[in-house]
Each structure stands twice: as structure tokens, then as C-alpha cells.
Amino acid sequence: MNRRGCLRRAGAVAAGLVAPGAAFAASGASITLAAWQVLPAEKNALQQATAAFTRSTGIGVKIEIIADKYMDVMRSRFAGRITPDVFYLDSHEAPILIRSGVLLPLDAYIGQPNDFYPQFLDAFRGDDHQLYGLPKDYSTLALYINTGLLTQAGFSLAEVPAEEDALMDFARRLQARLPRGVAAMILEKDLARHLAAIESYGQPVIDARGDARLVGNAGALTYLDAFVRGRKAGYVLSPKDDLGADSPGAAFGAGKTVLMMEGNWVLSALRQDYPEVRFVTREMPRVNGRPNTMAFVVGYAVPRFAKNPRGGIRFAQFMTREAMKDWSRGSGTLPSRSGVQAEMAASQDAALAAHIAGARYATVWSRGTSLPVLNTNFGNQFQAALNGSIPVAVALRRAEQASNREIERQR
């Protein structure tokens, strides 16, 4: 049985064990929260938030950190009907669990829904339009510019273009003035970095039927081919494969690149581990004349067969209402409520401004149940194109075909 079928079976059993009306009949003295491995700042903020929740409600919280293969572990627990009472759920993983029927709807518990960025809520809605996750925070991509290296190369910030095509040409000219071992720009291959730009040309990567659609998007092909040509010419490099860095942030912090398109999760490490690096952030370059960035949204979800669903829902409410400001301030994450964001604006790191500005128009990393399949195949084939093994057009065709074969098998 494939994983979707396994989850459907688990959902059916759960529906029999916990009827919708009975799910809130009683609450125990404690709940279990499942979360993935987090940075120290987030760990401390979570401990403070759970302590505040216990003081407010009398409900204790056991935090269970799943350090490796988080969603694989969660799927196995859903299949075995052994779940936490509330758990972290990434927007791109949400559709499979929602469609499987293993989550409780949360519309009645959100409070001031218009205060959330609307696309963040949509990422946790099912085909029935019900809400199955409460967005807790988000990250967006922004353009990071090492101002020290830029100045040494004889360029000013005013010369850095705001359009993607022009930025790629600028990177080519910049590379000629950089020392050996320093890249003008670094690149990650994942679809999560490129989905918004690809869809800026009007063709969705997943169609209404749930099939992958990469072929036939001429603008996206040109956009991706620019990176392939840039890598071949040496002005767009991979942080890991070409520069030997563990992550884009490590390459940027070590002074190995001038331009980096990265999420706000990198900021704390840059501030702490590379305090001497001078940099600014800007909104992501426009593609096809349109502003674009990706949003990676995390929500709280409650399993249908949680031992204490009422307590789990109360925790999700608390963290996305009264505790959101303290959580965001302590963890360094961005609040999913625009009202909370406005309250925090004056006290936030100036480098976050570009990330926050992108929230209005960000494309959420979520495209139904087919996205995980497409993500894997896109990454494999685009890497082959970046390596020069195949043309980009061939890579897109192969990624689409392989994805659709797998999507069809999972139906």
C-alpha cells in the first residue's frame, strides 16, 4: 500500500474512533507537541511559550523533538494511530495529510482570520475549503548582498539590478572583478527556490488535475537556462558542489560569494558566526516584470485521533493568538499575522525588511499532493542540466514525465 493509501486507512479508523462532536468532549492535564529539530533561539522561545501556556491554561506540554526524517516519522505514527496532540506541519506537506482525512478542521478556532496573510491560510485548506492548520510563522527568500566584496569590485549598491535578467548580466560582469575562489552568485537547485519565478510566466507547475506541467513554459526555460549558462561560465556556482560549503549561508559568511538568494533563517547564523561580514538585503529580483518570492509556512495541526485534541487545539490557538508576538521575537521567526507584524516592525532587524515586504505577494511552497514528487524529479533533472549533462529543455521534459508516472501510480 502506498503512503497515501496507508494514511487514508488511518484516517478512516480515526474517524470511527473520534467522532467530530466527541473530539472535544474531554481534555486531560497535558498534551504532547511534536516538532522538528530547531535552532537554539527557537528551542528557548518554545520552552518559554509552553511554560506560558501552562500558566495560562493549567495544561502541561511535553515537547517531542523529532531530529531526523520528521515527516516520515509522522506518517508512520498516523498509520499506526499513535500521534501527538498537536504538531508542526509544513505547508508543502499539508495537502497529503488533509486529503487523507487524518486532521481535525480548525476553522472555528482561528480567531481574526483576516489578520493572517490569506495565502498562508489557503495552504492549509482542503478541497472542502475547511482549514486544517493554523499558520504559526513563515520565511521568505530575499537577495543578500555582501557590500564589502561589492565595493572592492568597484560597484555600488545602486548598480545592482532589481530585474532577474539584468541581475544575471550584472553577475557576469561582477565575476570578472572578483578574486579567485569568490563567486558572483550562488545557486540552489531545488524547485522550492524557483517555483515563484517559473510561475511568473503564467503556467502553473501543477495543473488542476494534479499533473506536473513544466514543458511548454518558454519563459521558465529561458529563466532556468540563464543559471545553467552562468554556472558553465563560472559566475553562478553551487555553494556545496563548487565552493565546498555546507550551506549557502556558510558560503556567504565565509566571503565566497557576493550575491545570495536565501531565507531569513540564515540571519541569526550570519549575525552570530560571521559578525565581520557587511551585507544588506533586498527583495528578490523581479521576474517577467513581476515581484516574486517564496514563502515557507509552518502551521499547527491536530490529529483526529489525538489523545487530547481539545488541549492540542487550545495550544494551537494560544500560539497563534496571544503568544505569537513573544514567540516571534524570541525565535527570530516572522509572524503569520500582519497585525502582529506591524506591532513588531520597529524592533526587528533591518535586514528582515525585505523578507517582510515579500509576504504580501509571496508564492507559498504548496501545490497539492503532487508537489513532493515533482520537487524530487525537478531537483534531479535540473542538477543534470547544471552539470552540463543535458539541455534544460530535456531536463524539464524528463522531470515532467517521471513525475506524472509516479503521480499516476499514487492515485
Protein backbone atom coordinates (compact mmCIF):
# COMPACT_ATOMS: atom_id res chain seq x y z
CA MET A 1 0.00 0.00 0.00
CA ASN A 2 1.43 3.43 -0.90
CA ARG A 3 1.75 6.10 1.76
CA ARG A 4 -1.39 7.95 0.68
CA GLY A 5 -3.45 4.77 0.90
CA CYS A 6 -1.94 3.99 4.27
CA LEU A 7 -2.91 7.40 5.54
CA ARG A 8 -6.41 7.08 4.12
CA ARG A 9 -6.87 3.87 6.07
CA ALA A 10 -5.56 5.52 9.21
CA GLY A 11 -7.95 8.42 8.70
CA ALA A 12 -10.90 6.10 8.28
CA VAL A 13 -10.06 4.30 11.53
CA ALA A 14 -9.58 7.61 13.29
CA ALA A 15 -12.93 8.91 12.12
CA GLY A 16 -14.54 5.88 13.71
CA LEU A 17 -12.67 6.31 16.98
CA VAL A 18 -13.19 10.05 17.38
CA ALA A 19 -16.45 11.41 16.10
CA PRO A 20 -16.37 15.13 15.23
CA GLY A 21 -18.63 16.05 18.11
CA ALA A 22 -16.87 13.82 20.60
CA ALA A 23 -13.40 15.08 19.78
CA PHE A 24 -13.76 17.91 22.28
CA ALA A 25 -15.66 16.10 25.00
CA ALA A 26 -12.77 15.98 27.46
CA SER A 27 -9.27 17.28 27.92
CA GLY A 28 -6.50 15.84 30.05
CA ALA A 29 -3.89 17.57 32.16
CA SER A 30 -1.23 17.55 29.46
CA ILE A 31 -0.57 17.44 25.73
CA THR A 32 2.26 16.25 23.51
CA LEU A 33 3.68 18.60 20.87
CA ALA A 34 5.75 17.09 18.05
CA ALA A 35 8.29 19.39 16.42
CA TRP A 36 11.38 19.09 14.28
CA GLN A 37 14.91 19.99 15.32
CA VAL A 38 15.16 23.74 15.81
CA LEU A 39 17.87 26.34 16.32
CA PRO A 40 18.81 27.29 19.91
CA ALA A 41 16.83 30.54 19.76
CA GLU A 42 13.70 28.68 18.69
CA LYS A 43 14.23 26.00 21.33
CA ASN A 44 14.43 28.61 24.08
CA ALA A 45 11.43 30.50 22.74
CA LEU A 46 9.39 27.30 22.55
CA GLN A 47 10.21 26.40 26.14
CA GLN A 48 9.15 29.87 27.27
CA ALA A 49 5.96 29.71 25.21
CA THR A 50 4.93 26.31 26.52
CA ALA A 51 5.59 27.46 30.09
CA ALA A 52 3.35 30.49 29.47
CA PHE A 53 0.67 28.21 28.02
CA THR A 54 0.75 26.01 31.11
CA ARG A 55 0.48 29.03 33.40
CA SER A 56 -2.48 30.30 31.39
CA THR A 57 -4.42 27.05 30.96
CA GLY A 58 -3.11 24.56 33.51
CA ILE A 59 -2.31 22.16 30.66
CA GLY A 60 1.22 20.76 30.68
CA VAL A 61 3.17 20.38 27.43
CA LYS A 62 5.58 17.59 26.59
CA ILE A 63 7.79 18.66 23.66
CA GLU A 64 8.88 15.78 21.46
CA ILE A 65 11.67 16.75 19.07
CA ILE A 66 11.97 14.51 16.01
CA ALA A 67 15.53 15.13 14.91
CA ASP A 68 15.61 13.22 11.62
CA LYS A 69 13.16 12.46 8.79
CA TYR A 70 10.38 14.32 10.55
CA MET A 71 7.54 13.65 8.11
CA ASP A 72 8.50 10.02 7.60
CA VAL A 73 8.20 9.54 11.35
CA MET A 74 4.90 11.42 11.48
CA ARG A 75 3.40 9.39 8.61
CA SER A 76 4.29 6.14 10.32
CA ARG A 77 2.66 7.37 13.51
CA PHE A 78 -0.50 8.34 11.68
CA ALA A 79 -0.58 4.91 10.06
CA GLY A 80 -0.15 3.30 13.49
CA ARG A 81 -2.69 5.66 15.09
CA ILE A 82 -0.08 6.83 17.63
CA THR A 83 0.05 10.58 17.23
CA PRO A 84 0.85 13.68 19.26
CA ASP A 85 -1.94 16.04 20.26
CA VAL A 86 -0.57 18.87 18.10
CA PHE A 87 2.35 19.06 15.72
CA TYR A 88 4.33 21.24 13.34
CA LEU A 89 3.14 20.89 9.74
CA ASP A 90 4.95 22.37 6.77
CA SER A 91 2.74 23.91 4.07
CA HIS A 92 4.04 21.69 1.27
CA GLU A 93 3.37 18.51 3.27
CA ALA A 94 -0.11 19.58 4.39
CA PRO A 95 -2.17 18.57 1.31
CA ILE A 96 -1.43 14.84 1.62
CA LEU A 97 -2.46 14.71 5.28
CA ILE A 98 -5.51 16.88 4.65
CA ARG A 99 -6.72 14.71 1.78
CA SER A 100 -6.11 11.58 3.83
CA GLY A 101 -8.67 12.74 6.41
CA VAL A 102 -6.39 12.40 9.44
CA LEU A 103 -6.57 16.01 10.67
CA LEU A 104 -9.22 17.93 12.55
CA PRO A 105 -10.74 21.05 10.92
CA LEU A 106 -9.83 24.23 12.82
CA ASP A 107 -11.97 26.98 11.26
CA ALA A 108 -13.90 27.52 14.48
CA TYR A 109 -10.73 28.14 16.46
CA ILE A 110 -8.67 30.53 14.37
CA GLY A 111 -9.79 33.97 15.61
CA GLN A 112 -9.50 37.05 13.36
CA PRO A 113 -8.79 35.12 10.15
CA ASN A 114 -8.48 38.35 8.16
CA ASP A 115 -5.35 39.19 10.15
CA PHE A 116 -3.46 36.30 8.52
CA TYR A 117 -1.82 36.63 5.14
CA PRO A 118 -4.54 34.96 3.03
CA GLN A 119 -2.27 32.69 1.00
CA PHE A 120 -0.86 31.31 4.26
CA LEU A 121 -4.33 30.15 5.28
CA ASP A 122 -5.04 28.76 1.81
CA ALA A 123 -2.01 26.48 2.13
CA PHE A 124 -3.78 24.61 4.93
CA ARG A 125 -7.24 24.39 3.34
CA GLY A 126 -8.62 21.18 1.91
CA ASP A 127 -10.77 20.61 -1.15
CA ASP A 128 -13.72 21.08 1.20
CA HIS A 129 -12.42 24.64 1.92
CA GLN A 130 -12.02 23.82 5.60
CA LEU A 131 -8.89 24.86 7.47
CA TYR A 132 -6.67 22.09 8.85
CA GLY A 133 -3.72 24.09 10.15
CA LEU A 134 -3.17 27.40 11.93
CA PRO A 135 -0.15 29.22 10.44
CA LYS A 136 2.40 29.96 13.17
CA ASP A 137 5.21 31.63 11.23
CA TYR A 138 6.86 31.89 7.84
CA SER A 139 10.09 32.58 6.00
CA THR A 140 10.62 34.21 2.60
CA LEU A 141 13.54 34.50 0.23
CA ALA A 142 15.47 37.74 -0.24
CA LEU A 143 18.59 38.83 -2.09
CA TYR A 144 21.63 39.12 0.19
CA ILE A 145 24.47 41.36 -1.00
CA ASN A 146 27.97 41.34 0.52
CA THR A 147 28.64 45.07 0.41
CA GLY A 148 32.33 44.71 1.25
CA LEU A 149 33.04 42.45 -1.73
CA LEU A 150 30.78 44.54 -3.96
CA THR A 151 32.70 47.72 -3.15
CA GLN A 152 36.07 46.02 -3.60
CA ALA A 153 34.93 45.01 -7.08
CA GLY A 154 34.21 48.66 -7.89
CA PHE A 155 30.42 48.52 -7.87
CA SER A 156 27.84 50.33 -5.75
CA LEU A 157 24.52 49.08 -4.40
CA ALA A 158 22.74 51.36 -6.84
CA GLU A 159 24.23 49.34 -9.69
CA VAL A 160 22.75 46.03 -8.53
CA PRO A 161 19.69 45.47 -10.78
CA ALA A 162 16.23 44.70 -9.47
CA GLU A 163 15.27 42.59 -12.52
CA GLU A 164 16.35 38.97 -12.86
CA ASP A 165 17.65 39.21 -16.44
CA ALA A 166 19.69 42.28 -15.67
CA LEU A 167 20.97 40.77 -12.42
CA MET A 168 22.33 37.74 -14.27
CA ASP A 169 24.18 40.01 -16.68
CA PHE A 170 25.48 42.03 -13.74
CA ALA A 171 26.75 38.83 -12.11
CA ARG A 172 28.70 38.05 -15.27
CA ARG A 173 30.36 41.47 -15.24
CA LEU A 174 30.94 41.31 -11.49
CA GLN A 175 32.71 37.95 -11.72
CA ALA A 176 35.48 39.46 -13.85
CA ARG A 177 36.44 41.76 -10.97
CA LEU A 178 36.39 39.23 -8.14
CA PRO A 179 39.35 37.34 -6.69
CA ARG A 180 39.86 33.67 -7.46
CA GLY A 181 37.58 31.42 -5.38
CA VAL A 182 34.84 34.04 -4.97
CA ALA A 183 31.59 33.64 -6.94
CA ALA A 184 29.42 36.49 -8.09
CA MET A 185 26.32 34.48 -7.21
CA ILE A 186 25.43 31.15 -5.62
CA LEU A 187 22.51 28.94 -6.58
CA GLU A 188 20.44 26.15 -5.08
CA LYS A 189 18.84 23.64 -7.49
CA ASP A 190 15.60 22.99 -5.58
CA LEU A 191 12.21 23.78 -7.06
CA ALA A 192 11.42 25.47 -3.74
CA ARG A 193 13.78 28.28 -4.78
CA HIS A 194 12.40 28.66 -8.30
CA LEU A 195 8.67 27.90 -8.24
CA ALA A 196 7.53 31.52 -7.97
CA ALA A 197 9.80 32.60 -10.81
CA ILE A 198 8.69 29.71 -13.03
CA GLU A 199 5.02 30.51 -12.45
CA SER A 200 5.63 34.21 -13.12
CA TYR A 201 5.31 33.27 -16.79
CA GLY A 202 1.71 32.16 -16.33
CA GLN A 203 1.88 28.37 -16.37
CA PRO A 204 1.37 26.55 -13.05
CA VAL A 205 3.78 23.71 -12.28
CA ILE A 206 0.83 21.54 -11.17
CA ASP A 207 -2.38 21.69 -13.20
CA ALA A 208 -5.96 21.38 -11.97
CA ARG A 209 -5.88 17.60 -12.37
CA GLY A 210 -2.76 17.33 -10.23
CA ASP A 211 -0.34 16.57 -13.07
CA ALA A 212 3.12 18.14 -13.38
CA ARG A 213 3.46 20.81 -16.07
CA LEU A 214 6.95 22.01 -16.90
CA VAL A 215 7.04 21.62 -20.68
CA GLY A 216 5.68 24.47 -22.80
CA ASN A 217 6.72 27.30 -20.49
CA ALA A 218 9.17 29.15 -22.72
CA GLY A 219 9.82 31.91 -20.21
CA ALA A 220 10.66 29.45 -17.45
CA LEU A 221 13.02 27.58 -19.76
CA THR A 222 14.88 30.82 -20.52
CA TYR A 223 14.97 31.71 -16.82
CA LEU A 224 16.46 28.35 -15.81
CA ASP A 225 18.85 28.24 -18.75
CA ALA A 226 20.39 31.50 -17.55
CA PHE A 227 21.59 29.71 -14.42
CA VAL A 228 22.98 26.83 -16.46
CA ARG A 229 24.91 29.24 -18.67
CA GLY A 230 26.05 31.12 -15.59
CA ARG A 231 27.44 28.01 -13.97
CA LYS A 232 29.22 26.97 -17.14
CA ALA A 233 30.81 30.43 -17.33
CA GLY A 234 31.69 30.37 -13.64
CA TYR A 235 29.70 33.31 -12.30
CA VAL A 236 26.85 31.26 -10.78
CA LEU A 237 28.11 28.48 -8.53
CA SER A 238 26.75 25.84 -6.16
CA PRO A 239 27.74 26.54 -2.55
CA LYS A 240 28.30 22.86 -1.85
CA ASP A 241 29.47 21.37 -5.12
CA ASP A 242 31.65 24.26 -6.29
CA LEU A 243 32.65 26.08 -3.10
CA GLY A 244 32.74 23.25 -0.57
CA ALA A 245 30.36 24.99 1.84
CA ASP A 246 27.77 23.17 3.96
CA SER A 247 25.07 25.71 3.13
CA PRO A 248 24.50 28.94 1.19
CA GLY A 249 24.77 30.92 4.42
CA ALA A 250 28.16 29.37 5.21
CA ALA A 251 29.46 30.27 1.74
CA PHE A 252 28.16 33.82 2.07
CA GLY A 253 29.50 34.24 5.58
CA ALA A 254 32.94 32.96 4.55
CA GLY A 255 33.14 35.62 1.85
CA LYS A 256 32.90 33.19 -1.05
CA THR A 257 30.09 34.99 -2.85
CA VAL A 258 28.66 38.47 -3.35
CA LEU A 259 25.02 37.59 -4.13
CA MET A 260 22.85 35.01 -2.40
CA MET A 261 19.11 34.35 -2.62
CA GLU A 262 18.24 32.89 0.75
CA GLY A 263 15.65 32.74 3.53
CA ASN A 264 15.62 34.74 6.75
CA TRP A 265 16.61 31.59 8.66
CA VAL A 266 20.21 32.45 7.73
CA LEU A 267 20.24 35.76 9.58
CA SER A 268 20.95 34.54 13.10
CA ALA A 269 23.94 32.48 11.92
CA LEU A 270 25.32 35.39 9.91
CA ARG A 271 25.00 37.72 12.90
CA GLN A 272 26.49 35.23 15.33
CA ASP A 273 29.10 33.32 13.33
CA TYR A 274 30.21 35.96 10.80
CA PRO A 275 29.80 39.32 12.58
CA GLU A 276 32.50 40.93 10.44
CA VAL A 277 30.59 40.41 7.18
CA ARG A 278 28.87 43.56 5.94
CA PHE A 279 25.70 42.89 3.98
CA VAL A 280 22.28 44.23 3.08
CA THR A 281 19.11 42.53 1.93
CA ARG A 282 16.78 43.44 -0.87
CA GLU A 283 13.56 41.97 -2.16
CA MET A 284 14.07 39.18 -4.67
CA PRO A 285 14.65 40.36 -8.25
CA ARG A 286 11.51 40.73 -10.35
CA VAL A 287 10.89 38.01 -12.92
CA ASN A 288 8.92 38.74 -16.07
CA GLY A 289 8.35 42.20 -14.61
CA ARG A 290 6.61 40.81 -11.54
CA PRO A 291 7.68 40.79 -7.89
CA ASN A 292 8.25 37.26 -6.67
CA THR A 293 9.49 35.33 -3.68
CA MET A 294 8.77 32.03 -1.99
CA ALA A 295 7.08 31.71 1.40
CA PHE A 296 7.74 28.68 3.57
CA VAL A 297 4.86 28.49 6.04
CA VAL A 298 4.61 26.30 9.12
CA GLY A 299 1.36 25.64 10.94
CA TYR A 300 -0.02 23.78 13.94
CA ALA A 301 -2.22 20.81 13.10
CA VAL A 302 -4.23 18.47 15.34
CA PRO A 303 -4.68 14.76 14.51
CA ARG A 304 -8.18 13.32 14.53
CA PHE A 305 -7.11 10.56 16.89
CA ALA A 306 -5.06 12.66 19.30
CA LYS A 307 -5.47 11.60 22.94
CA ASN A 308 -6.19 15.18 23.94
CA PRO A 309 -7.43 17.01 20.83
CA ARG A 310 -9.07 19.72 22.90
CA GLY A 311 -5.78 20.52 24.58
CA GLY A 312 -3.97 20.41 21.23
CA ILE A 313 -6.41 22.89 19.72
CA ARG A 314 -6.13 25.19 22.72
CA PHE A 315 -2.33 25.17 22.33
CA ALA A 316 -2.60 25.99 18.60
CA GLN A 317 -4.95 28.85 19.47
CA PHE A 318 -2.66 30.18 22.17
CA MET A 319 0.43 30.12 19.97
CA THR A 320 -1.29 31.84 17.05
CA ARG A 321 -3.05 34.45 19.16
CA GLU A 322 -1.73 35.76 22.46
CA ALA A 323 1.72 34.15 22.28
CA MET A 324 2.59 34.96 18.65
CA LYS A 325 4.44 38.20 19.36
CA ASP A 326 6.60 36.73 22.11
CA TRP A 327 7.26 33.59 20.08
CA SER A 328 8.33 35.56 17.01
CA ARG A 329 10.51 37.93 18.99
CA GLY A 330 12.23 35.12 20.88
CA SER A 331 12.63 32.69 17.98
CA GLY A 332 13.54 35.19 15.29
CA THR A 333 10.76 33.88 13.03
CA LEU A 334 8.25 36.05 11.18
CA PRO A 335 4.65 36.17 12.48
CA SER A 336 1.92 34.95 10.17
CA ARG A 337 -0.48 37.66 11.36
CA SER A 338 0.00 41.03 9.66
CA GLY A 339 -1.25 42.82 12.78
CA VAL A 340 1.44 41.23 14.94
CA GLN A 341 4.00 42.03 12.25
CA ALA A 342 3.00 45.69 12.37
CA GLU A 343 3.40 45.74 16.17
CA MET A 344 6.89 44.25 15.91
CA ALA A 345 8.20 46.22 12.93
CA ALA A 346 10.06 48.90 14.88
CA SER A 347 12.04 46.42 16.96
CA GLN A 348 13.00 43.96 14.22
CA ASP A 349 16.35 43.57 12.49
CA ALA A 350 16.52 45.91 9.50
CA ALA A 351 17.70 43.01 7.35
CA LEU A 352 14.25 41.44 7.76
CA ALA A 353 12.52 44.30 5.92
CA ALA A 354 12.96 42.69 2.50
CA HIS A 355 11.65 39.36 3.80
CA ILE A 356 8.61 41.01 5.39
CA ALA A 357 7.84 43.06 2.28
CA GLY A 358 7.71 39.86 0.26
CA ALA A 359 4.96 38.34 2.38
CA ARG A 360 2.28 40.34 0.55
CA TYR A 361 2.94 38.72 -2.81
CA ALA A 362 4.85 35.56 -1.85
CA THR A 363 4.11 32.24 -3.51
CA VAL A 364 3.62 29.66 -0.77
CA TRP A 365 5.60 26.44 -1.10
CA SER A 366 2.50 24.30 -1.56
CA ARG A 367 0.90 22.91 -4.70
CA GLY A 368 -1.27 19.99 -3.68
CA THR A 369 -0.37 16.37 -3.16
CA SER A 370 1.78 16.13 -6.31
CA LEU A 371 4.38 18.71 -5.31
CA PRO A 372 6.72 16.44 -3.30
CA VAL A 373 7.02 14.13 -6.32
CA LEU A 374 7.70 16.99 -8.72
CA ASN A 375 10.19 18.55 -6.33
CA THR A 376 12.34 15.42 -6.27
CA ASN A 377 12.33 14.93 -10.04
CA PHE A 378 12.92 18.59 -10.79
CA GLY A 379 15.92 18.67 -8.48
CA ASN A 380 17.46 15.60 -10.07
CA GLN A 381 17.00 16.76 -13.64
CA PHE A 382 17.90 20.41 -13.09
CA GLN A 383 21.11 19.26 -11.41
CA ALA A 384 21.93 17.27 -14.53
CA ALA A 385 21.36 20.40 -16.62
CA LEU A 386 23.54 22.46 -14.31
CA ASN A 387 26.26 19.85 -14.66
CA GLY A 388 26.06 20.18 -18.45
CA SER A 389 24.84 16.62 -18.99
CA ILE A 390 21.58 17.58 -20.69
CA PRO A 391 19.90 20.76 -22.00
CA VAL A 392 17.36 22.46 -19.77
CA ALA A 393 14.52 21.59 -22.16
CA VAL A 394 15.37 17.90 -21.83
CA ALA A 395 15.62 18.22 -18.05
CA LEU A 396 12.14 19.75 -17.82
CA ARG A 397 10.63 17.12 -20.09
CA ARG A 398 12.18 14.27 -18.14
CA ALA A 399 11.15 15.77 -14.80
CA GLU A 400 7.56 16.20 -16.01
CA GLN A 401 7.34 12.68 -17.44
CA ALA A 402 8.89 10.96 -14.41
CA SER A 403 6.68 12.94 -12.05
CA ASN A 404 3.48 12.16 -13.91
CA ARG A 405 4.26 8.45 -13.99
CA GLU A 406 4.68 8.46 -10.22
CA ILE A 407 1.66 10.70 -9.64
CA GLU A 408 -0.48 8.32 -11.68
CA ARG A 409 0.72 5.33 -9.66
CA GLN A 410 -0.24 7.07 -6.41
CA ARG A 411 -3.82 7.82 -7.50
